[in-house]
Amino acid sequence: MFKITRCLLSKGVLNADQLILGKVNLMDFLAFTQRFAQKQVTSASDSSNESGSDNSQHPSENFGFVNKNLITKKNKSKHYNKENKKWKKLCIKLKEHGVVIPITLMKNPKAKSYFK
């Protein structure tokens, strides 16, 4: 994390308020680059329902109400897509300013792909 900060400082994209290009907090950016990839939860929920009755096979059990899990998954995916676009734009702008962060310092595969 210190090496990433040093790379940002050397190119002058980090100001005294700890904002990268005056927009994004340094700690948020470091959290993004150090975040591990998480697997999708859809396959785990299907395997837990195998032993009992499966709700997806019996639509009459929900009595016409929408499954709450489907709504939350849809809202989360929109939020994650928005966040991904934000980070992609920031990484592209950093590359335009000549910031070179070694890929070996990043643990997030998306961050690695943005800096290739």
Protein backbone atom coordinates (compact mmCIF):
# COMPACT_ATOMS: atom_id res chain seq x y z
CA MET A 1 0.00 0.00 0.00
CA PHE A 2 2.86 2.34 0.76
CA LYS A 3 4.42 1.66 -2.63
CA ILE A 4 1.15 2.47 -4.40
CA THR A 5 0.93 5.72 -2.43
CA ARG A 6 4.52 6.52 -3.36
CA CYS A 7 3.71 5.95 -7.05
CA LEU A 8 0.79 8.38 -6.79
CA LEU A 9 2.88 10.98 -4.95
CA SER A 10 5.72 10.80 -7.46
CA LYS A 11 3.39 11.80 -10.33
CA GLY A 12 1.67 14.56 -8.34
CA VAL A 13 -1.86 13.17 -8.60
CA LEU A 14 -2.33 13.05 -4.82
CA ASN A 15 -3.04 16.35 -3.08
CA ALA A 16 -2.74 17.42 0.57
CA ASP A 17 -6.35 16.41 1.29
CA GLN A 18 -5.50 12.80 0.33
CA LEU A 19 -7.66 12.98 -2.77
CA ILE A 20 -6.56 11.40 -6.02
CA LEU A 21 -7.05 13.87 -8.89
CA GLY A 22 -9.20 15.89 -6.49
CA LYS A 23 -12.04 13.34 -6.62
CA VAL A 24 -11.41 10.00 -4.90
CA ASN A 25 -10.15 9.36 -1.39
CA LEU A 26 -6.78 7.62 -1.21
CA MET A 27 -7.98 5.03 1.31
CA ASP A 28 -10.89 4.07 -0.95
CA PHE A 29 -8.53 3.59 -3.88
CA LEU A 30 -6.16 1.49 -1.78
CA ALA A 31 -9.09 -0.63 -0.59
CA PHE A 32 -10.12 -1.14 -4.23
CA THR A 33 -6.65 -2.25 -5.32
CA GLN A 34 -6.22 -4.60 -2.35
CA ARG A 35 -9.70 -6.17 -2.51
CA PHE A 36 -9.76 -9.89 -3.28
CA ALA A 37 -12.19 -11.23 -5.89
CA GLN A 38 -15.36 -12.76 -4.49
CA LYS A 39 -17.27 -15.63 -6.05
CA GLN A 40 -20.90 -15.31 -7.03
CA VAL A 41 -23.32 -16.58 -4.37
CA THR A 42 -25.87 -18.05 -6.78
CA SER A 43 -24.33 -21.53 -6.91
CA ALA A 44 -23.99 -21.71 -3.11
CA SER A 45 -27.68 -20.99 -2.53
CA ASP A 46 -28.70 -23.66 -5.05
CA SER A 47 -26.61 -26.34 -3.36
CA SER A 48 -28.09 -25.58 0.08
CA ASN A 49 -31.64 -26.17 -1.20
CA GLU A 50 -30.92 -29.60 -2.67
CA SER A 51 -31.67 -31.51 0.52
CA GLY A 52 -35.05 -29.85 1.17
CA SER A 53 -37.79 -28.60 -1.07
CA ASP A 54 -36.63 -26.08 -3.66
CA ASN A 55 -38.58 -22.79 -3.71
CA SER A 56 -37.86 -22.13 -7.37
CA GLN A 57 -39.70 -25.31 -8.40
CA HIS A 58 -42.84 -24.37 -6.44
CA PRO A 59 -44.01 -20.89 -7.50
CA SER A 60 -47.25 -21.22 -5.48
CA GLU A 61 -45.32 -21.07 -2.20
CA ASN A 62 -44.56 -17.35 -2.55
CA PHE A 63 -48.30 -16.45 -2.82
CA GLY A 64 -47.75 -13.94 -5.61
CA PHE A 65 -45.14 -11.86 -3.80
CA VAL A 66 -41.79 -11.19 -5.40
CA ASN A 67 -38.87 -13.02 -3.87
CA LYS A 68 -36.94 -10.44 -1.84
CA ASN A 69 -33.57 -12.02 -2.69
CA LEU A 70 -34.09 -11.34 -6.39
CA ILE A 71 -34.73 -7.65 -5.72
CA THR A 72 -31.61 -7.24 -3.58
CA LYS A 73 -29.44 -9.06 -6.13
CA LYS A 74 -30.69 -6.76 -8.89
CA ASN A 75 -30.01 -3.62 -6.83
CA LYS A 76 -26.55 -4.86 -5.84
CA SER A 77 -25.59 -5.60 -9.42
CA LYS A 78 -26.53 -2.06 -10.50
CA HIS A 79 -24.49 -0.64 -7.62
CA TYR A 80 -21.48 -2.80 -8.44
CA ASN A 81 -21.62 -1.85 -12.13
CA LYS A 82 -21.66 1.83 -11.19
CA GLU A 83 -18.69 1.34 -8.84
CA ASN A 84 -16.76 -0.58 -11.51
CA LYS A 85 -17.26 2.23 -14.02
CA LYS A 86 -16.05 4.75 -11.44
CA TRP A 87 -12.85 2.81 -10.77
CA LYS A 88 -12.25 2.16 -14.46
CA LYS A 89 -12.50 5.88 -15.27
CA LEU A 90 -10.12 6.74 -12.44
CA CYS A 91 -7.57 4.14 -13.54
CA ILE A 92 -7.71 5.38 -17.12
CA LYS A 93 -7.14 8.97 -15.98
CA LEU A 94 -4.22 7.86 -13.80
CA LYS A 95 -2.65 6.09 -16.78
CA GLU A 96 -3.08 9.28 -18.83
CA HIS A 97 -1.18 11.20 -16.13
CA GLY A 98 1.67 8.70 -16.41
CA VAL A 99 1.09 6.83 -13.15
CA VAL A 100 2.63 3.39 -13.31
CA ILE A 101 1.61 1.03 -10.50
CA PRO A 102 3.23 -2.41 -10.62
CA ILE A 103 0.61 -5.10 -11.14
CA THR A 104 2.28 -7.29 -8.53
CA LEU A 105 1.21 -4.83 -5.82
CA MET A 106 -2.50 -5.24 -6.61
CA LYS A 107 -4.67 -8.06 -5.37
CA ASN A 108 -7.89 -7.11 -7.18
CA PRO A 109 -8.02 -8.73 -10.65
CA LYS A 110 -10.15 -5.88 -12.03
CA ALA A 111 -7.60 -3.30 -10.89
CA LYS A 112 -4.87 -5.37 -12.53
CA SER A 113 -6.77 -5.43 -15.82
CA TYR A 114 -7.30 -1.65 -15.72
CA PHE A 115 -3.55 -0.97 -15.33
CA LYS A 116 -2.34 -3.42 -18.01
